[in-house]
PDB file of all heavy atoms in Angstrom:
ATOM      1  N   ALA A   1       0.875  -1.208   0.008  1.00  0.00           N
ATOM      2  CA  ALA A   1       0.031   0.014  -0.022  1.00  0.00           C
ATOM      3  C   ALA A   1       0.840   1.238  -0.029  1.00  0.00           C
ATOM      4  O   ALA A   1       0.609   2.212  -0.718  1.00  0.00           O
ATOM      5  CB  ALA A   1      -0.954  -0.002   1.269  1.00  0.00           C
ATOM      6  N   LYS A   2       1.932   1.247   0.772  1.00  0.00           N
ATOM      7  CA  LYS A   2       2.807   2.379   0.780  1.00  0.00           C
ATOM      8  C   LYS A   2       3.508   2.549  -0.605  1.00  0.00           C
ATOM      9  O   LYS A   2       3.647   3.683  -1.023  1.00  0.00           O
ATOM     10  CB  LYS A   2       3.915   2.146   1.854  1.00  0.00           C
ATOM     11  CG  LYS A   2       4.947   3.295   1.950  1.00  0.00           C
ATOM     12  CD  LYS A   2       5.925   3.044   2.988  1.00  0.00           C
ATOM     13  CE  LYS A   2       6.983   4.126   3.080  1.00  0.00           C
ATOM     14  NZ  LYS A   2       7.955   3.888   4.220  1.00  0.00           N
ATOM     15  N   LEU A   3       3.972   1.454  -1.229  1.00  0.00           N
ATOM     16  CA  LEU A   3       4.544   1.554  -2.537  1.00  0.00           C
ATOM     17  C   LEU A   3       3.644   2.184  -3.554  1.00  0.00           C
ATOM     18  O   LEU A   3       4.088   3.002  -4.323  1.00  0.00           O
ATOM     19  CB  LEU A   3       4.908   0.129  -2.981  1.00  0.00           C
ATOM     20  CG  LEU A   3       5.506   0.025  -4.439  1.00  0.00           C
ATOM     21  CD1 LEU A   3       7.019   0.509  -4.390  1.00  0.00           C
ATOM     22  CD2 LEU A   3       5.515  -1.477  -4.844  1.00  0.00           C
ATOM     23  N   THR A   4       2.315   1.928  -3.545  1.00  0.00           N
ATOM     24  CA  THR A   4       1.359   2.421  -4.592  1.00  0.00           C
ATOM     25  C   THR A   4       0.736   3.742  -4.134  1.00  0.00           C
ATOM     26  O   THR A   4      -0.076   4.209  -4.877  1.00  0.00           O
ATOM     27  CB  THR A   4       0.294   1.324  -4.830  1.00  0.00           C
ATOM     28  OG1 THR A   4      -0.388   1.056  -3.615  1.00  0.00           O
ATOM     29  CG2 THR A   4       0.932   0.029  -5.324  1.00  0.00           C
ATOM     30  N   GLY A   5       1.034   4.097  -2.923  1.00  0.00           N
ATOM     31  CA  GLY A   5       0.326   5.385  -2.446  1.00  0.00           C
ATOM     32  C   GLY A   5      -1.057   5.177  -2.066  1.00  0.00           C
ATOM     33  O   GLY A   5      -1.930   6.106  -2.224  1.00  0.00           O
ATOM     34  N   SER A   6      -1.422   3.939  -1.615  1.00  0.00           N
ATOM     35  CA  SER A   6      -2.825   3.662  -1.267  1.00  0.00           C
ATOM     36  C   SER A   6      -2.997   3.683   0.207  1.00  0.00           C
ATOM     37  O   SER A   6      -2.046   3.581   0.998  1.00  0.00           O
ATOM     38  CB  SER A   6      -3.145   2.245  -1.808  1.00  0.00           C
ATOM     39  OG  SER A   6      -2.961   2.185  -3.224  1.00  0.00           O
ATOM     40  N   ALA A   7      -4.313   3.672   0.585  1.00  0.00           N
ATOM     41  CA  ALA A   7      -4.673   3.677   1.985  1.00  0.00           C
ATOM     42  C   ALA A   7      -4.429   2.290   2.600  1.00  0.00           C
ATOM     43  O   ALA A   7      -4.547   1.286   1.804  1.00  0.00           O
ATOM     44  CB  ALA A   7      -6.075   4.098   2.254  1.00  0.00           C
ATOM     45  N   VAL A   8      -4.134   2.145   3.797  1.00  0.00           N
ATOM     46  CA  VAL A   8      -4.034   0.857   4.480  1.00  0.00           C
ATOM     47  C   VAL A   8      -5.409   0.295   4.839  1.00  0.00           C
ATOM     48  O   VAL A   8      -6.288   1.027   5.219  1.00  0.00           O
ATOM     49  CB  VAL A   8      -3.190   0.956   5.798  1.00  0.00           C
ATOM     50  CG1 VAL A   8      -3.180  -0.353   6.542  1.00  0.00           C
ATOM     51  CG2 VAL A   8      -1.865   1.480   5.478  1.00  0.00           C
ATOM     52  N   PRO A   9      -5.663  -0.998   4.549  1.00  0.00           N
ATOM     53  CA  PRO A   9      -6.978  -1.470   4.791  1.00  0.00           C
ATOM     54  C   PRO A   9      -7.262  -1.509   6.321  1.00  0.00           C
ATOM     55  O   PRO A   9      -6.444  -1.706   7.144  1.00  0.00           O
ATOM     56  CB  PRO A   9      -6.954  -2.996   4.289  1.00  0.00           C
ATOM     57  CG  PRO A   9      -5.464  -3.264   4.275  1.00  0.00           C
ATOM     58  CD  PRO A   9      -4.770  -1.960   3.968  1.00  0.00           C
ATOM     59  N   LEU A  10      -8.611  -1.312   6.656  1.00  0.00           N
ATOM     60  CA  LEU A  10      -9.081  -1.349   8.053  1.00  0.00           C
ATOM     61  C   LEU A  10      -9.371  -2.788   8.408  1.00  0.00           C
ATOM     62  O   LEU A  10      -9.528  -3.145   9.610  1.00  0.00           O
ATOM     63  CB  LEU A  10     -10.271  -0.490   8.136  1.00  0.00           C
ATOM     64  CG  LEU A  10     -10.089   0.995   7.939  1.00  0.00           C
ATOM     65  CD1 LEU A  10     -11.361   1.732   8.058  1.00  0.00           C
ATOM     66  CD2 LEU A  10      -9.036   1.551   8.832  1.00  0.00           C
ATOM     67  N   THR A  11      -9.484  -3.678   7.441  1.00  0.00           N
ATOM     68  CA  THR A  11      -9.819  -5.099   7.731  1.00  0.00           C
ATOM     69  C   THR A  11      -8.752  -5.688   8.602  1.00  0.00           C
ATOM     70  O   THR A  11      -7.508  -5.592   8.275  1.00  0.00           O
ATOM     71  CB  THR A  11      -9.854  -5.887   6.323  1.00  0.00           C
ATOM     72  OG1 THR A  11     -10.753  -5.273   5.507  1.00  0.00           O
ATOM     73  CG2 THR A  11     -10.298  -7.345   6.596  1.00  0.00           C
ATOM     74  N   PRO A  12      -9.120  -6.474   9.650  1.00  0.00           N
ATOM     75  CA  PRO A  12      -8.057  -7.215  10.456  1.00  0.00           C
ATOM     76  C   PRO A  12      -7.359  -8.199   9.562  1.00  0.00           C
ATOM     77  O   PRO A  12      -7.982  -9.048   8.943  1.00  0.00           O
ATOM     78  CB  PRO A  12      -8.896  -7.799  11.564  1.00  0.00           C
ATOM     79  CG  PRO A  12     -10.200  -7.084  11.583  1.00  0.00           C
ATOM     80  CD  PRO A  12     -10.451  -6.605  10.131  1.00  0.00           C
ATOM     81  N   LEU A  13      -6.105  -8.101   9.515  1.00  0.00           N
ATOM     82  CA  LEU A  13      -5.275  -9.150   8.787  1.00  0.00           C
ATOM     83  C   LEU A  13      -4.347  -9.812   9.687  1.00  0.00           C
ATOM     84  O   LEU A  13      -3.448  -9.246  10.281  1.00  0.00           O
ATOM     85  CB  LEU A  13      -4.402  -8.323   7.756  1.00  0.00           C
ATOM     86  CG  LEU A  13      -5.213  -7.448   6.708  1.00  0.00           C
ATOM     87  CD1 LEU A  13      -4.284  -6.733   5.853  1.00  0.00           C
ATOM     88  CD2 LEU A  13      -6.135  -8.447   5.873  1.00  0.00           C
ATOM     89  N   ALA A  14      -4.571 -11.151   9.890  1.00  0.00           N
ATOM     90  CA  ALA A  14      -3.689 -11.985  10.787  1.00  0.00           C
ATOM     91  C   ALA A  14      -3.756 -13.369  10.226  1.00  0.00           C
ATOM     92  O   ALA A  14      -4.723 -13.878   9.652  1.00  0.00           O
ATOM     93  CB  ALA A  14      -4.224 -11.862  12.197  1.00  0.00           C
ATOM     94  N   PRO A  15      -2.693 -14.105  10.416  1.00  0.00           N
ATOM     95  CA  PRO A  15      -2.687 -15.550  10.008  1.00  0.00           C
ATOM     96  C   PRO A  15      -3.624 -16.400  10.798  1.00  0.00           C
ATOM     97  O   PRO A  15      -3.778 -16.110  11.985  1.00  0.00           O
ATOM     98  CB  PRO A  15      -1.249 -15.954  10.195  1.00  0.00           C
ATOM     99  CG  PRO A  15      -0.704 -14.989  11.301  1.00  0.00           C
ATOM    100  CD  PRO A  15      -1.393 -13.670  11.077  1.00  0.00           C
ATOM    101  N   GLY A  16      -4.234 -17.311  10.181  1.00  0.00           N
ATOM    102  CA  GLY A  16      -5.080 -18.390  10.819  1.00  0.00           C
ATOM    103  C   GLY A  16      -6.505 -17.904  11.173  1.00  0.00           C
ATOM    104  O   GLY A  16      -7.268 -18.680  11.713  1.00  0.00           O
ATOM    105  N   VAL A  17      -6.848 -16.662  10.770  1.00  0.00           N
ATOM    106  CA  VAL A  17      -8.223 -16.236  11.051  1.00  0.00           C
ATOM    107  C   VAL A  17      -8.879 -15.780   9.715  1.00  0.00           C
ATOM    108  O   VAL A  17      -8.187 -15.364   8.787  1.00  0.00           O
ATOM    109  CB  VAL A  17      -8.257 -15.032  12.039  1.00  0.00           C
ATOM    110  CG1 VAL A  17      -7.622 -15.413  13.357  1.00  0.00           C
ATOM    111  CG2 VAL A  17      -7.448 -13.802  11.444  1.00  0.00           C
ATOM    112  N   PRO A  18     -10.209 -15.949   9.626  1.00  0.00           N
ATOM    113  CA  PRO A  18     -10.873 -15.583   8.358  1.00  0.00           C
ATOM    114  C   PRO A  18     -10.712 -14.112   8.024  1.00  0.00           C
ATOM    115  O   PRO A  18     -10.939 -13.244   8.840  1.00  0.00           O
ATOM    116  CB  PRO A  18     -12.323 -16.008   8.573  1.00  0.00           C
ATOM    117  CG  PRO A  18     -12.263 -17.022   9.640  1.00  0.00           C
ATOM    118  CD  PRO A  18     -11.141 -16.528  10.577  1.00  0.00           C
ATOM    119  N   ILE A  19     -10.287 -13.795   6.750  1.00  0.00           N
ATOM    120  CA  ILE A  19     -10.184 -12.445   6.321  1.00  0.00           C
ATOM    121  C   ILE A  19     -11.199 -12.164   5.195  1.00  0.00           C
ATOM    122  O   ILE A  19     -11.159 -12.874   4.174  1.00  0.00           O
ATOM    123  CB  ILE A  19      -8.792 -12.198   5.721  1.00  0.00           C
ATOM    124  CG1 ILE A  19      -7.662 -12.450   6.835  1.00  0.00           C
ATOM    125  CG2 ILE A  19      -8.683 -10.767   5.218  1.00  0.00           C
ATOM    126  CD1 ILE A  19      -6.337 -12.380   6.366  1.00  0.00           C
ATOM    127  N   PRO A  20     -12.179 -11.285   5.372  1.00  0.00           N
ATOM    128  CA  PRO A  20     -13.098 -10.930   4.300  1.00  0.00           C
ATOM    129  C   PRO A  20     -12.345 -10.373   3.118  1.00  0.00           C
ATOM    130  O   PRO A  20     -11.557  -9.437   3.254  1.00  0.00           O
ATOM    131  CB  PRO A  20     -14.066  -9.957   4.942  1.00  0.00           C
ATOM    132  CG  PRO A  20     -13.849 -10.108   6.410  1.00  0.00           C
ATOM    133  CD  PRO A  20     -12.392 -10.486   6.628  1.00  0.00           C
ATOM    134  N   ALA A  21     -12.593 -10.918   1.923  1.00  0.00           N
ATOM    135  CA  ALA A  21     -11.903 -10.431   0.677  1.00  0.00           C
ATOM    136  C   ALA A  21     -12.936 -10.202  -0.415  1.00  0.00           C
ATOM    137  O   ALA A  21     -13.921 -10.955  -0.568  1.00  0.00           O
ATOM    138  CB  ALA A  21     -10.875 -11.498   0.298  1.00  0.00           C
ATOM    139  N   PRO A  22     -12.691  -9.173  -1.203  1.00  0.00           N
ATOM    140  CA  PRO A  22     -13.693  -8.820  -2.258  1.00  0.00           C
ATOM    141  C   PRO A  22     -13.724 -10.019  -3.293  1.00  0.00           C
ATOM    142  O   PRO A  22     -12.800 -10.785  -3.426  1.00  0.00           O
ATOM    143  CB  PRO A  22     -13.114  -7.559  -2.890  1.00  0.00           C
ATOM    144  CG  PRO A  22     -12.281  -7.002  -1.838  1.00  0.00           C
ATOM    145  CD  PRO A  22     -11.758  -8.147  -1.052  1.00  0.00           C
ATOM    146  N   GLU A  23     -14.796 -10.020  -4.114  1.00  0.00           N
ATOM    147  CA  GLU A  23     -14.937 -10.993  -5.105  1.00  0.00           C
ATOM    148  C   GLU A  23     -13.875 -10.903  -6.210  1.00  0.00           C
ATOM    149  O   GLU A  23     -13.449  -9.727  -6.482  1.00  0.00           O
ATOM    150  CB  GLU A  23     -16.304 -10.781  -5.783  1.00  0.00           C
ATOM    151  CG  GLU A  23     -16.906 -12.044  -6.438  1.00  0.00           C
ATOM    152  CD  GLU A  23     -18.353 -11.880  -6.812  1.00  0.00           C
ATOM    153  OE1 GLU A  23     -18.766 -10.794  -7.202  1.00  0.00           O
ATOM    154  OE2 GLU A  23     -19.107 -12.831  -6.657  1.00  0.00           O
ATOM    155  N   VAL A  24     -13.429 -11.924  -6.761  1.00  0.00           N
ATOM    156  CA  VAL A  24     -12.432 -12.015  -7.785  1.00  0.00           C
ATOM    157  C   VAL A  24     -13.086 -12.098  -9.094  1.00  0.00           C
ATOM    158  O   VAL A  24     -13.946 -12.984  -9.333  1.00  0.00           O
ATOM    159  CB  VAL A  24     -11.459 -13.140  -7.539  1.00  0.00           C
ATOM    160  CG1 VAL A  24     -10.310 -13.125  -8.542  1.00  0.00           C
ATOM    161  CG2 VAL A  24     -10.920 -13.092  -6.126  1.00  0.00           C
ATOM    162  N   HIS A  25     -12.704 -11.295 -10.073  1.00  0.00           N
ATOM    163  CA  HIS A  25     -13.198 -11.378 -11.452  1.00  0.00           C
ATOM    164  C   HIS A  25     -12.022 -11.522 -12.467  1.00  0.00           C
ATOM    165  O   HIS A  25     -11.717 -10.649 -13.207  1.00  0.00           O
ATOM    166  CB  HIS A  25     -14.050 -10.128 -11.761  1.00  0.00           C
ATOM    167  CG  HIS A  25     -15.314 -10.027 -10.986  1.00  0.00           C
ATOM    168  ND1 HIS A  25     -16.369 -10.870 -11.202  1.00  0.00           N
ATOM    169  CD2 HIS A  25     -15.602  -9.247  -9.960  1.00  0.00           C
ATOM    170  CE1 HIS A  25     -17.293 -10.500 -10.333  1.00  0.00           C
ATOM    171  NE2 HIS A  25     -16.894  -9.581  -9.558  1.00  0.00           N
ATOM    172  N   GLY A  26     -11.399 -12.699 -12.310  1.00  0.00           N
ATOM    173  CA  GLY A  26     -10.381 -13.023 -13.289  1.00  0.00           C
ATOM    174  C   GLY A  26     -10.989 -13.701 -14.563  1.00  0.00           C
ATOM    175  O   GLY A  26     -12.091 -14.189 -14.537  1.00  0.00           O
ATOM    176  N   PRO A  27     -10.205 -13.734 -15.652  1.00  0.00           N
ATOM    177  CA  PRO A  27     -10.702 -14.285 -16.916  1.00  0.00           C
ATOM    178  C   PRO A  27     -11.142 -15.816 -16.776  1.00  0.00           C
ATOM    179  O   PRO A  27     -11.963 -16.242 -17.520  1.00  0.00           O
ATOM    180  CB  PRO A  27      -9.627 -14.042 -17.855  1.00  0.00           C
ATOM    181  CG  PRO A  27      -8.414 -13.778 -17.116  1.00  0.00           C
ATOM    182  CD  PRO A  27      -8.877 -13.209 -15.748  1.00  0.00           C
ATOM    183  N   GLU A  28     -10.398 -16.531 -15.862  1.00  0.00           N
ATOM    184  CA  GLU A  28     -10.713 -17.933 -15.856  1.00  0.00           C
ATOM    185  C   GLU A  28     -10.741 -18.387 -14.342  1.00  0.00           C
ATOM    186  O   GLU A  28      -9.801 -18.060 -13.584  1.00  0.00           O
ATOM    187  CB  GLU A  28      -9.658 -18.783 -16.563  1.00  0.00           C
ATOM    188  CG  GLU A  28      -9.828 -18.796 -18.116  1.00  0.00           C
ATOM    189  CD  GLU A  28      -9.004 -19.855 -18.712  1.00  0.00           C
ATOM    190  OE1 GLU A  28      -8.224 -20.569 -18.013  1.00  0.00           O
ATOM    191  OE2 GLU A  28      -9.073 -19.954 -20.047  1.00  0.00           O
ATOM    192  N   GLY A  29     -11.810 -19.110 -13.989  1.00  0.00           N
ATOM    193  CA  GLY A  29     -11.816 -19.526 -12.626  1.00  0.00           C
ATOM    194  C   GLY A  29     -11.046 -20.803 -12.415  1.00  0.00           C
ATOM    195  O   GLY A  29     -10.694 -21.518 -13.333  1.00  0.00           O
ATOM    196  N   SER A  30     -10.741 -21.095 -11.132  1.00  0.00           N
ATOM    197  CA  SER A  30      -9.981 -22.313 -10.842  1.00  0.00           C
ATOM    198  C   SER A  30     -10.890 -23.557 -10.705  1.00  0.00           C
ATOM    199  O   SER A  30     -11.960 -23.399 -10.214  1.00  0.00           O
ATOM    200  CB  SER A  30      -9.273 -22.085  -9.545  1.00  0.00           C
ATOM    201  OG  SER A  30      -8.812 -23.308  -8.927  1.00  0.00           O
ATOM    202  N   ARG A  31     -10.449 -24.613 -11.244  1.00  0.00           N
ATOM    203  CA  ARG A  31     -11.245 -25.855 -11.106  1.00  0.00           C
ATOM    204  C   ARG A  31     -11.509 -26.234  -9.554  1.00  0.00           C
ATOM    205  O   ARG A  31     -12.470 -26.896  -9.229  1.00  0.00           O
ATOM    206  CB  ARG A  31     -10.550 -27.023 -11.815  1.00  0.00           C
ATOM    207  CG  ARG A  31     -10.607 -26.956 -13.335  1.00  0.00           C
ATOM    208  CD  ARG A  31     -10.162 -28.246 -13.964  1.00  0.00           C
ATOM    209  NE  ARG A  31     -10.322 -28.201 -15.386  1.00  0.00           N
ATOM    210  CZ  ARG A  31      -9.385 -27.780 -16.235  1.00  0.00           C
ATOM    211  NH1 ARG A  31      -8.231 -27.330 -15.796  1.00  0.00           N
ATOM    212  NH2 ARG A  31      -9.552 -27.845 -17.557  1.00  0.00           N
ATOM    213  N   ARG A  32     -10.583 -25.803  -8.741  1.00  0.00           N
ATOM    214  CA  ARG A  32     -10.822 -26.005  -7.316  1.00  0.00           C
ATOM    215  C   ARG A  32     -11.691 -25.003  -6.701  1.00  0.00           C
ATOM    216  O   ARG A  32     -11.880 -24.966  -5.429  1.00  0.00           O
ATOM    217  CB  ARG A  32      -9.478 -26.122  -6.621  1.00  0.00           C
ATOM    218  CG  ARG A  32      -8.639 -27.287  -7.081  1.00  0.00           C
ATOM    219  CD  ARG A  32      -7.189 -27.358  -6.341  1.00  0.00           C
ATOM    220  NE  ARG A  32      -6.407 -26.336  -6.835  1.00  0.00           N
ATOM    221  CZ  ARG A  32      -5.703 -25.522  -6.095  1.00  0.00           C
ATOM    222  NH1 ARG A  32      -5.807 -25.512  -4.787  1.00  0.00           N
ATOM    223  NH2 ARG A  32      -4.855 -24.580  -6.654  1.00  0.00           N
ATOM    224  N   ARG A  33     -12.102 -24.055  -7.426  1.00  0.00           N
ATOM    225  CA  ARG A  33     -13.063 -23.000  -7.022  1.00  0.00           C
ATOM    226  C   ARG A  33     -12.462 -22.255  -5.833  1.00  0.00           C
ATOM    227  O   ARG A  33     -13.177 -21.743  -4.924  1.00  0.00           O
ATOM    228  CB  ARG A  33     -14.347 -23.579  -6.586  1.00  0.00           C
ATOM    229  CG  ARG A  33     -15.001 -24.481  -7.664  1.00  0.00           C
ATOM    230  CD  ARG A  33     -16.270 -25.112  -7.281  1.00  0.00           C
ATOM    231  NE  ARG A  33     -17.408 -24.049  -7.367  1.00  0.00           N
ATOM    232  CZ  ARG A  33     -18.100 -23.897  -8.488  1.00  0.00           C
ATOM    233  NH1 ARG A  33     -17.802 -24.535  -9.576  1.00  0.00           N
ATOM    234  NH2 ARG A  33     -19.105 -23.013  -8.531  1.00  0.00           N
ATOM    235  N   ARG A  34     -11.105 -21.981  -5.832  1.00  0.00           N
ATOM    236  CA  ARG A  34     -10.404 -21.399  -4.696  1.00  0.00           C
ATOM    237  C   ARG A  34     -10.616 -19.947  -4.588  1.00  0.00           C
ATOM    238  O   ARG A  34     -10.317 -19.394  -3.597  1.00  0.00           O
ATOM    239  CB  ARG A  34      -8.940 -21.803  -4.756  1.00  0.00           C
ATOM    240  CG  ARG A  34      -8.225 -21.282  -6.080  1.00  0.00           C
ATOM    241  CD  ARG A  34      -6.805 -21.871  -6.159  1.00  0.00           C
ATOM    242  NE  ARG A  34      -6.217 -21.510  -7.361  1.00  0.00           N
ATOM    243  CZ  ARG A  34      -5.219 -20.591  -7.456  1.00  0.00           C
ATOM    244  NH1 ARG A  34      -4.869 -19.968  -6.393  1.00  0.00           N
ATOM    245  NH2 ARG A  34      -4.659 -20.312  -8.609  1.00  0.00           N
ATOM    246  N   PHE A  35     -11.171 -19.266  -5.662  1.00  0.00           N
ATOM    247  CA  PHE A  35     -11.374 -17.835  -5.572  1.00  0.00           C
ATOM    248  C   PHE A  35     -12.781 -17.474  -5.203  1.00  0.00           C
ATOM    249  O   PHE A  35     -13.011 -16.278  -5.037  1.00  0.00           O
ATOM    250  CB  PHE A  35     -11.065 -17.157  -6.923  1.00  0.00           C
ATOM    251  CG  PHE A  35      -9.637 -17.255  -7.329  1.00  0.00           C
ATOM    252  CD1 PHE A  35      -9.209 -17.613  -8.540  1.00  0.00           C
ATOM    253  CD2 PHE A  35      -8.604 -16.944  -6.477  1.00  0.00           C
ATOM    254  CE1 PHE A  35      -7.927 -17.717  -9.019  1.00  0.00           C
ATOM    255  CE2 PHE A  35      -7.268 -17.006  -6.815  1.00  0.00           C
ATOM    256  CZ  PHE A  35      -6.951 -17.386  -8.118  1.00  0.00           C
ATOM    257  N   GLU A  36     -13.614 -18.429  -4.963  1.00  0.00           N
ATOM    258  CA  GLU A  36     -15.041 -18.140  -4.741  1.00  0.00           C
ATOM    259  C   GLU A  36     -15.443 -17.906  -3.277  1.00  0.00           C
ATOM    260  O   GLU A  36     -16.303 -17.074  -3.000  1.00  0.00           O
ATOM    261  CB  GLU A  36     -15.872 -19.228  -5.326  1.00  0.00           C
ATOM    262  CG  GLU A  36     -15.752 -19.280  -6.859  1.00  0.00           C
ATOM    263  CD  GLU A  36     -16.562 -20.471  -7.437  1.00  0.00           C
ATOM    264  OE1 GLU A  36     -17.588 -20.831  -6.806  1.00  0.00           O
ATOM    265  OE2 GLU A  36     -16.094 -21.048  -8.459  1.00  0.00           O
ATOM    266  N   PRO A  37     -14.769 -18.439  -2.260  1.00  0.00           N
ATOM    267  CA  PRO A  37     -15.160 -18.197  -0.893  1.00  0.00           C
ATOM    268  C   PRO A  37     -14.987 -16.677  -0.564  1.00  0.00           C
ATOM    269  O   PRO A  37     -14.117 -16.040  -1.060  1.00  0.00           O
ATOM    270  CB  PRO A  37     -14.208 -18.979  -0.045  1.00  0.00           C
ATOM    271  CG  PRO A  37     -13.743 -20.127  -1.029  1.00  0.00           C
ATOM    272  CD  PRO A  37     -13.752 -19.576  -2.391  1.00  0.00           C
ATOM    273  N   ALA A  38     -15.941 -16.208   0.217  1.00  0.00           N
ATOM    274  CA  ALA A  38     -15.926 -14.766   0.526  1.00  0.00           C
ATOM    275  C   ALA A  38     -14.850 -14.473   1.585  1.00  0.00           C
ATOM    276  O   ALA A  38     -14.547 -13.232   1.800  1.00  0.00           O
ATOM    277  CB  ALA A  38     -17.314 -14.387   1.109  1.00  0.00           C
ATOM    278  N   GLU A  39     -14.218 -15.462   2.218  1.00  0.00           N
ATOM    279  CA  GLU A  39     -13.193 -15.228   3.163  1.00  0.00           C
ATOM    280  C   GLU A  39     -11.980 -16.146   2.842  1.00  0.00           C
ATOM    281  O   GLU A  39     -12.161 -17.216   2.292  1.00  0.00           O
ATOM    282  CB  GLU A  39     -13.702 -15.578   4.646  1.00  0.00           C
ATOM    283  CG  GLU A  39     -14.789 -14.658   5.081  1.00  0.00           C
ATOM    284  CD  GLU A  39     -15.262 -15.049   6.468  1.00  0.00           C
ATOM    285  OE1 GLU A  39     -15.249 -16.282   6.846  1.00  0.00           O
ATOM    286  OE2 GLU A  39     -15.648 -14.109   7.235  1.00  0.00           O
ATOM    287  N   ILE A  40     -10.845 -15.646   3.247  1.00  0.00           N
ATOM    288  CA  ILE A  40      -9.553 -16.425   3.115  1.00  0.00           C
ATOM    289  C   ILE A  40      -8.881 -16.564   4.433  1.00  0.00           C
ATOM    290  O   ILE A  40      -9.082 -15.727   5.329  1.00  0.00           O
ATOM    291  CB  ILE A  40      -8.649 -15.744   2.099  1.00  0.00           C
ATOM    292  CG1 ILE A  40      -8.218 -14.339   2.528  1.00  0.00           C
ATOM    293  CG2 ILE A  40      -9.178 -15.781   0.633  1.00  0.00           C
ATOM    294  CD1 ILE A  40      -7.150 -13.756   1.761  1.00  0.00           C
ATOM    295  N   VAL A  41      -8.169 -17.638   4.601  1.00  0.00           N
ATOM    296  CA  VAL A  41      -7.447 -17.921   5.841  1.00  0.00           C
ATOM    297  C   VAL A  41      -5.989 -18.200   5.421  1.00  0.00           C
ATOM    298  O   VAL A  41      -5.736 -19.111   4.617  1.00  0.00           O
ATOM    299  CB  VAL A  41      -7.999 -19.218   6.572  1.00  0.00           C
ATOM    300  CG1 VAL A  41      -7.179 -19.437   7.860  1.00  0.00           C
ATOM    301  CG2 VAL A  41      -9.460 -18.915   6.960  1.00  0.00           C
ATOM    302  N   LEU A  42      -5.095 -17.358   5.952  1.00  0.00           N
ATOM    303  CA  LEU A  42      -3.666 -17.493   5.662  1.00  0.00           C
ATOM    304  C   LEU A  42      -2.962 -18.449   6.520  1.00  0.00           C
ATOM    305  O   LEU A  42      -2.944 -18.213   7.699  1.00  0.00           O
ATOM    306  CB  LEU A  42      -3.047 -16.107   5.667  1.00  0.00           C
ATOM    307  CG  LEU A  42      -3.483 -15.096   4.630  1.00  0.00           C
ATOM    308  CD1 LEU A  42      -2.768 -13.817   4.855  1.00  0.00           C
ATOM    309  CD2 LEU A  42      -3.165 -15.530   3.270  1.00  0.00           C
ATOM    310  N   GLU A  43      -2.516 -19.549   5.924  1.00  0.00           N
ATOM    311  CA  GLU A  43      -1.757 -20.607   6.733  1.00  0.00           C
ATOM    312  C   GLU A  43      -0.473 -20.978   5.896  1.00  0.00           C
ATOM    313  O   GLU A  43      -0.626 -21.206   4.662  1.00  0.00           O
ATOM    314  CB  GLU A  43      -2.599 -21.808   6.999  1.00  0.00           C
ATOM    315  CG  GLU A  43      -3.762 -21.515   7.949  1.00  0.00           C
ATOM    316  CD  GLU A  43      -4.665 -22.667   8.154  1.00  0.00           C
ATOM    317  OE1 GLU A  43      -4.705 -23.529   7.239  1.00  0.00           O
ATOM    318  OE2 GLU A  43      -5.253 -22.813   9.228  1.00  0.00           O
TER     319      GLU A  43
END
């Protein structure tokens, strides 16, 4: 965010806990449907 001159997100960001993430609109979806959940967990 600092590199791009953007604001820092207010969303709590921590490993092992669900992080709400916006919908992904890439040209091709994954067969494992990994971009579709509304939350991600970093592990």
